Protein backbone atom coordinates (compact mmCIF):
# COMPACT_ATOMS: atom_id res chain seq x y z
CA LYS A 1 110.30 113.71 94.93
CA LEU A 2 108.25 116.35 93.67
CA ASN A 3 105.31 115.22 90.96
CA SER A 4 105.99 117.57 88.01
CA GLU A 5 106.35 117.69 84.58
CA LYS A 6 108.92 120.01 84.75
CA GLN A 7 112.29 119.45 86.08
CA LEU A 8 112.92 122.52 87.86
CA PRO A 9 116.00 122.81 90.28
CA ILE A 10 115.90 121.74 94.25
CA SER A 11 118.05 121.80 96.92
CA LEU A 12 118.15 119.63 99.98
CA SER A 13 120.07 120.22 103.06
CA LEU A 14 120.55 118.60 106.28
CA GLU A 15 121.22 120.30 109.70
CA TYR A 16 122.41 118.85 113.11
CA ASN A 17 122.79 121.31 116.11
CA GLY A 18 122.17 123.99 114.21
CA GLN A 19 125.21 123.14 111.71
CA ASN A 20 124.46 122.45 108.33
CA ILE A 21 126.41 119.03 107.29
CA LYS A 22 125.05 118.05 103.84
CA LYS A 23 123.14 120.04 100.93
CA VAL A 24 122.58 118.07 97.60
CA LYS A 25 120.96 119.90 94.52
CA GLU A 26 118.78 118.02 92.27
CA VAL A 27 116.30 118.20 90.03
CA SER A 28 112.34 118.30 91.35
CA ASN A 29 110.99 115.39 89.79
CA LYS A 30 113.47 112.57 90.85
CA ASN A 31 114.04 110.73 94.22
CA ILE A 32 116.93 112.44 95.84
CA THR A 33 119.45 110.40 98.86
CA ILE A 34 121.53 111.81 101.47
CA LYS A 35 124.41 109.87 102.17
CA LEU A 36 125.92 110.23 105.65
CA GLN A 37 129.77 109.80 106.97
CA ASP A 38 130.29 107.86 109.91
CA ASN A 39 131.19 111.25 111.85
CA GLU A 40 127.71 112.83 110.40
CA PHE A 41 125.57 109.75 111.97
CA HIS A 42 123.58 110.44 115.07
CA GLU A 43 121.24 107.72 116.69
CA TRP A 44 118.05 108.20 117.90
CA SER A 45 116.95 106.54 121.09
CA PRO A 46 115.69 107.66 124.50
CA SER A 47 119.06 108.40 126.14
CA GLU A 48 120.27 110.29 122.99
CA PRO A 49 116.92 111.55 121.07
CA ASN A 50 118.71 113.11 118.40
CA ILE A 51 117.16 114.66 115.51
CA TYR A 52 118.07 116.26 112.49
CA THR A 53 116.56 119.29 110.58
CA ILE A 54 115.61 119.03 106.87
CA LYS A 55 115.20 121.79 104.74
CA ALA A 56 113.87 121.69 101.05
CA GLU A 57 114.09 124.87 98.93
CA LEU A 58 112.65 124.57 95.18
CA PHE A 59 113.44 127.08 92.24
CA ASN A 60 112.18 127.90 88.97
CA GLU A 61 114.15 128.63 85.80
CA GLN A 62 115.52 131.62 86.85
CA ASN A 63 117.11 129.91 89.76
CA LEU A 64 114.69 132.14 92.09
CA LEU A 65 113.73 130.47 94.65
CA ILE A 66 109.80 129.91 94.81
CA ASP A 67 109.17 127.84 97.81
CA SER A 68 110.39 126.11 100.65
CA ILE A 69 109.77 123.45 103.40
CA GLU A 70 111.10 122.58 106.53
CA SER A 71 110.71 119.56 108.86
CA TYR A 72 112.69 117.02 110.78
CA THR A 73 114.28 113.51 110.81
CA THR A 74 115.84 110.79 112.76
CA ILE A 75 117.77 107.74 112.42
CA ARG A 76 116.70 104.69 114.47
CA LYS A 77 116.71 101.08 113.85
CA ILE A 78 114.20 98.47 115.39
CA GLU A 79 114.47 94.71 115.08
CA GLN A 80 114.12 91.00 116.57
CA ARG A 81 117.12 89.53 117.56
CA LYS A 82 118.58 86.59 119.87
CA ASP A 83 120.80 87.87 122.20
CA GLU A 84 123.91 86.24 124.00
CA SER A 85 121.59 84.24 126.47
CA GLY A 86 118.95 82.98 123.44
CA TYR A 87 116.20 84.88 124.47
CA TYR A 88 115.10 86.95 121.63
CA ARG A 89 115.11 90.90 122.47
CA ILE A 90 113.73 94.32 121.19
CA TYR A 91 116.89 95.68 119.27
CA LEU A 92 117.13 99.29 118.95
CA ASN A 93 120.42 100.62 116.70
CA ASN A 94 121.65 97.09 117.54
CA LYS A 95 121.54 96.88 120.82
CA PRO A 96 118.86 95.25 123.33
CA LEU A 97 116.96 97.52 125.26
CA PHE A 98 114.20 96.74 128.11
CA ASN A 99 111.19 98.65 127.16
CA MET A 100 109.49 99.80 130.48
CA GLY A 101 106.77 101.72 130.32
CA THR A 102 103.38 102.60 131.06
CA LEU A 103 99.44 101.48 129.86
CA ASP A 104 98.15 105.26 128.79
CA GLN A 105 94.54 105.54 128.14
CA GLY A 106 94.93 109.22 127.60
CA TYR A 107 91.87 110.16 129.37
CA TRP A 108 90.87 113.65 130.80
CA PRO A 109 88.30 114.67 134.08
CA ASP A 110 87.22 117.94 131.91
CA GLY A 111 87.68 116.52 127.77
CA LEU A 112 87.68 112.43 127.93
CA TYR A 113 89.63 111.90 125.08
CA THR A 114 90.99 115.35 124.58
CA PRO A 115 93.52 117.26 126.56
CA PRO A 116 92.62 120.85 128.08
CA SER A 117 95.95 121.70 126.25
CA GLU A 118 99.23 121.03 124.77
CA GLU A 119 101.47 121.62 127.73
CA ALA A 120 98.84 119.43 129.79
CA MET A 121 99.07 116.85 127.24
CA ILE A 122 103.20 117.02 127.80
CA TYR A 123 102.99 116.77 131.15
CA ASP A 124 101.90 113.34 131.06
CA ILE A 125 105.26 112.80 128.88
CA ASN A 126 107.30 114.57 130.98
CA LYS A 127 106.73 113.21 134.19
CA LEU A 128 106.67 109.33 132.95
CA LYS A 129 110.47 110.76 131.70
CA GLU A 130 111.28 111.81 135.18
CA LEU A 131 110.22 108.83 136.13
CA GLY A 132 112.86 107.06 134.38
CA PHE A 133 110.23 105.01 132.11
CA ASN A 134 111.66 105.07 128.27
CA THR A 135 108.08 103.61 126.78
CA ILE A 136 104.54 104.09 126.85
CA ARG A 137 102.13 101.85 125.34
CA LYS A 138 99.26 104.13 124.09
CA HIS A 139 96.32 102.35 124.64
CA VAL A 140 93.53 101.77 122.38
CA LYS A 141 93.69 105.23 121.55
CA ILE A 142 95.32 108.18 119.02
CA GLU A 143 96.65 111.17 119.98
CA PRO A 144 96.98 114.34 117.96
CA TYR A 145 100.57 114.66 116.20
CA ARG A 146 102.29 117.31 118.19
CA TYR A 147 101.97 114.15 121.13
CA TYR A 148 104.04 112.08 118.79
CA TYR A 149 106.39 114.94 117.62
CA TYR A 150 107.05 115.78 121.39
CA CYS A 151 107.65 111.88 122.06
CA ASP A 152 110.29 112.11 119.17
CA LYS A 153 111.85 114.87 120.66
CA ILE A 154 112.34 114.15 123.87
CA GLY A 155 112.98 110.13 123.50
CA MET A 156 110.12 108.29 124.16
CA LEU A 157 109.19 104.91 122.62
CA ILE A 158 105.93 104.54 121.74
CA TRP A 159 103.76 101.10 121.09
CA GLN A 160 100.54 102.17 119.00
CA ASP A 161 97.49 100.29 119.95
CA MET A 162 94.54 99.99 117.23
CA PRO A 163 91.28 101.41 118.93
CA SER A 164 89.28 98.36 119.61
CA GLY A 165 86.08 98.11 117.84
CA ASP A 166 82.86 95.36 117.07
CA ARG A 167 83.50 94.24 120.82
CA GLN A 168 81.43 90.55 121.25
CA ASN A 169 81.22 87.90 123.66
CA ASN A 170 83.76 85.65 121.87
CA LYS A 171 86.20 83.19 124.48
CA TRP A 172 89.10 85.22 125.66
CA GLU A 173 91.81 82.73 126.83
CA HIS A 174 95.16 84.21 127.86
CA HIS A 175 96.83 81.55 129.61
CA TYR A 176 97.04 78.66 126.52
CA LEU A 177 97.84 79.03 123.13
CA ASN A 178 96.05 79.30 119.93
CA LYS A 179 92.99 79.35 122.07
CA GLY A 180 90.03 81.49 122.47
CA ASP A 181 87.30 82.69 119.82
CA ASP A 182 87.65 85.64 116.92
CA VAL A 183 84.61 87.62 116.82
CA LYS A 184 82.43 86.85 113.80
CA ARG A 185 82.57 90.28 112.01
CA SER A 186 80.49 91.27 109.08
CA GLU A 187 82.59 91.64 105.75
CA GLU A 188 81.67 95.58 106.04
CA SER A 189 82.95 95.46 109.67
CA LYS A 190 86.70 93.54 108.33
CA ASN A 191 86.42 96.56 105.73
CA ASN A 192 86.20 99.40 108.13
CA TYR A 193 88.84 97.74 110.47
CA TYR A 194 91.50 97.19 107.52
CA GLN A 195 90.33 101.14 106.04
CA GLU A 196 91.08 102.68 109.52
CA TRP A 197 93.76 100.91 110.76
CA GLU A 198 95.34 101.74 107.24
CA LYS A 199 95.17 105.36 107.79
CA ILE A 200 96.28 104.73 111.22
CA ILE A 201 99.43 103.37 110.31
CA ASP A 202 99.67 106.10 106.88
CA ASN A 203 99.61 108.85 108.91
CA LEU A 204 101.51 107.99 111.89
CA LYS A 205 104.57 106.22 110.29
CA PHE A 206 106.48 109.22 110.03
CA PHE A 207 107.10 109.89 113.84
CA GLN A 208 109.87 107.27 115.33
CA CYS A 209 109.14 107.33 118.26
CA ILE A 210 106.27 104.48 117.31
CA ILE A 211 108.34 101.50 117.39
CA ILE A 212 105.35 98.63 117.73
CA TRP A 213 101.94 98.15 116.15
CA VAL A 214 99.48 96.55 118.72
CA PRO A 215 96.42 95.37 115.98
CA PHE A 216 94.56 93.67 119.05
CA ASN A 217 93.85 93.57 123.02
CA GLU A 218 92.81 91.20 124.94
CA ALA A 219 90.78 89.79 122.02
CA TRP A 220 88.27 92.45 122.12
CA GLY A 221 87.25 92.62 118.13
CA GLN A 222 89.94 90.22 117.54
CA PHE A 223 89.52 88.41 114.11
CA ASP A 224 91.85 86.78 111.42
CA THR A 225 94.82 87.70 113.36
CA GLU A 226 97.20 86.06 110.91
CA LYS A 227 96.42 87.95 107.93
CA VAL A 228 95.94 91.26 110.03
CA VAL A 229 99.38 90.76 110.80
CA ASP A 230 100.59 90.56 107.40
CA PHE A 231 98.75 93.15 106.34
CA THR A 232 100.12 95.42 108.84
CA ASN A 233 103.87 94.09 108.06
CA LYS A 234 103.03 94.90 104.29
CA LYS A 235 101.88 98.46 105.00
CA ASP A 236 104.94 99.02 107.40
CA PRO A 237 107.66 96.52 107.26
CA THR A 238 110.01 98.80 109.51
CA ARG A 239 108.15 98.16 112.69
CA LEU A 240 107.39 94.69 114.87
CA ILE A 241 104.18 93.66 115.33
CA ASP A 242 102.26 92.76 118.85
CA ALA A 243 99.59 90.76 117.33
CA ALA A 244 97.66 90.20 119.85
CA SER A 245 98.09 92.16 123.16
CA GLY A 246 97.58 89.78 126.35
CA GLY A 247 95.86 86.83 124.40
CA ASN A 248 93.65 85.54 122.00
CA HIS A 249 97.87 84.31 122.06
CA ARG A 250 98.41 83.23 117.62
CA ILE A 251 102.03 82.76 116.72
CA CYS A 252 102.30 85.20 114.44
CA GLY A 253 104.23 88.46 114.45
CA ASN A 254 107.14 89.35 116.59
CA PHE A 255 105.60 88.74 120.79
CA LEU A 256 104.17 86.61 123.20
CA ASP A 257 102.56 89.71 125.57
CA LEU A 258 101.39 88.06 128.81
CA HIS A 259 98.85 90.14 130.80
CA ASN A 260 99.00 89.64 134.43
CA TYR A 261 97.96 91.36 137.44
CA PRO A 262 98.66 92.65 139.86
CA GLN A 263 102.14 90.64 140.16
CA PRO A 264 104.49 90.00 136.93
CA SER A 265 103.98 86.22 136.18
CA GLN A 266 105.37 84.03 133.22
CA TYR A 267 102.89 81.37 132.96
CA LEU A 268 103.70 81.26 128.87
CA LYS A 269 106.48 81.20 126.51
CA VAL A 270 107.17 81.06 123.14
CA ASP A 271 111.02 80.42 121.84
CA ASN A 272 110.88 81.91 118.78
CA LEU A 273 109.33 85.34 119.72
CA ILE A 274 110.03 87.86 121.93
CA ASN A 275 108.08 87.33 125.60
CA ILE A 276 106.88 90.70 127.01
CA LEU A 277 104.73 91.84 129.83
CA GLY A 278 101.88 93.65 128.02
CA GLU A 279 100.27 94.59 131.49
CA PHE A 280 100.63 94.33 134.71
CA GLY A 281 100.50 96.23 138.33
CA GLY A 282 97.19 98.05 138.68
CA LEU A 283 98.19 99.22 141.79
CA GLY A 284 95.56 101.45 143.84
CA LEU A 285 95.96 104.85 146.09
CA ASP A 286 92.69 106.26 146.76
CA ILE A 287 94.00 110.35 147.39
CA LYS A 288 90.98 112.11 149.02
CA GLY A 289 89.85 115.33 147.03
CA HIS A 290 91.38 113.84 143.75
CA THR A 291 89.18 111.11 142.81
CA TRP A 292 86.53 111.20 139.94
CA LYS A 293 83.98 109.38 142.25
CA ASP A 294 83.89 107.93 146.10
CA ASP A 295 83.33 104.18 144.43
CA ASN A 296 87.07 103.45 143.27
CA TRP A 297 89.17 100.60 142.70
CA GLY A 298 92.40 98.92 141.61
CA TYR A 299 93.55 95.26 141.24
CA LYS A 300 95.23 95.83 144.85
CA THR A 301 95.09 98.75 147.21
CA PHE A 302 97.17 100.62 149.66
CA GLN A 303 97.30 103.62 152.39
CA THR A 304 100.30 105.51 151.50
CA LYS A 305 102.66 106.49 148.69
CA GLU A 306 105.42 104.57 150.49
CA GLU A 307 103.50 100.82 150.59
CA ILE A 308 102.95 101.22 146.49
CA THR A 309 106.13 102.38 146.05
CA GLU A 310 107.97 99.30 147.55
CA LYS A 311 105.19 97.09 145.96
CA TYR A 312 106.21 98.64 142.59
CA GLU A 313 110.52 98.08 143.86
CA GLU A 314 109.14 94.52 144.46
CA TYR A 315 107.47 93.90 141.24
CA ILE A 316 110.36 95.12 139.21
CA ASN A 317 112.95 93.09 141.60
CA LEU A 318 110.84 89.85 140.22
CA ILE A 319 111.34 90.22 136.45
CA ILE A 320 114.90 91.08 137.07
CA GLU A 321 115.69 88.36 139.21
CA SER A 322 113.13 85.32 138.04
CA LEU A 323 111.47 86.41 135.11
CA LYS A 324 114.76 86.79 132.85
CA GLY A 325 112.78 85.78 129.75
CA PHE A 326 110.45 89.12 129.84
CA SER A 327 111.96 91.70 127.29
CA ALA A 328 109.70 94.55 128.22
CA ALA A 329 107.36 95.13 131.25
CA ILE A 330 104.13 97.68 130.63
CA TYR A 331 103.06 99.32 134.55
CA THR A 332 99.48 99.92 134.24
CA GLN A 333 98.71 102.69 134.41
CA THR A 334 100.18 106.63 133.58
CA THR A 335 96.84 108.09 135.67
CA ASP A 336 93.84 107.24 137.59
CA VAL A 337 90.86 107.18 134.72
CA GLU A 338 87.86 108.11 136.04
CA THR A 339 87.13 104.87 138.89
CA GLU A 340 90.17 103.25 137.98
CA ILE A 341 92.98 105.05 140.60
CA ASN A 342 95.42 102.61 139.53
CA GLY A 343 97.82 105.27 138.21
CA LEU A 344 101.04 106.89 139.34
CA ILE A 345 98.97 110.55 138.95
CA THR A 346 95.70 111.30 139.98
CA TYR A 347 93.09 112.04 137.36
CA ASP A 348 93.25 115.69 138.06
CA ARG A 349 97.14 115.68 137.61
CA GLU A 350 97.60 117.88 140.96
CA GLU A 351 99.21 114.63 142.78
CA VAL A 352 101.85 112.02 142.22
CA LYS A 353 100.89 108.64 143.98
CA VAL A 354 104.78 107.51 144.40
CA ILE A 355 107.78 108.53 145.72
CA GLU A 356 109.00 109.77 142.60
CA GLU A 357 113.25 109.36 143.23
CA ARG A 358 112.65 105.53 144.31
CA ILE A 359 110.80 104.60 141.19
CA LYS A 360 113.26 106.14 138.92
CA VAL A 361 115.84 104.39 140.49
CA ALA A 362 114.15 101.10 139.65
CA ASN A 363 113.05 101.89 135.77
CA ASP A 364 116.66 102.69 135.52
CA LYS A 365 117.70 99.05 137.18
CA ILE A 366 115.50 97.00 134.77
CA ILE A 367 116.37 98.95 131.52
CA ARG A 368 119.94 98.87 132.17
CA TYR A 369 119.82 95.10 133.14
CA LEU A 370 120.09 93.97 129.62
CA LYS A 371 123.05 95.76 128.92
């Protein structure tokens, strides 16, 4: 719909794989709906990232073209639903899909939060795809539009965190429900949170790769959780909400999100929420010549790629065989970050620290097990 006092002719066309499948003509100040037949309906998913090209053309009273715009769109549905085993799962396009991803802080040794180039930024996404991951948890950072566009293009699910602010020494409790303290934020601080979170949602809601909003992480700046979840849901009811990743746990939103290092563990369950492992792993490997400093750490350290790969496989098998209530798992992390050497890739992006083929086999196995 174009806000205009005049009723100017407008045409809207939808293309798929270079073929025009629908064209609708209307006037500029009316809402336009495009209806698809079954054979024209192509859902978006990590395995089939189907994208439609959409074109709009505006004409004057003499039917001469005066403006046009081209963009893209996708078709996908995300929801919470109970499966045949009685567990609530993440359903994508009416099918349960295990989300296997990495915690991704998006740091770079030469630019911190700024990637050196678009190609460098895309390298991280492509490498995760090659390793068999279907999800990225974008951890307390917002990326440029081109990042999310590329995730739409290749089929990578995104959990989008709200960057943490106003951190204080409130009590963090992740082993029990409804425990831990809220941060006592001022009204100015609360208002600032809502304003920024609203802008993030409004600016990123067009990217279909984003399926989950994450308002809080590990109690950092956490306050009025139920109200924040309600605010988020009203702003965007089309996505799921991970209210408090890693605690302080509140029974709201769609998830109970546990963090445990290094091994996966399901020490809490909530029957009416989707139970997920929002962080685990953190397996460290120090590759000389590719670290930020000599003083480094990981939650558990190893000497070889073989050892770290074997431990990763062990953890994946544990989730599949013993922790069947989990519907997602997020491994820490994509790359090393400064003194943290628990990445799958070195901080300089020059070395992959695992045996790639075996990581992909493990990830394919866990993603398939819900089907």
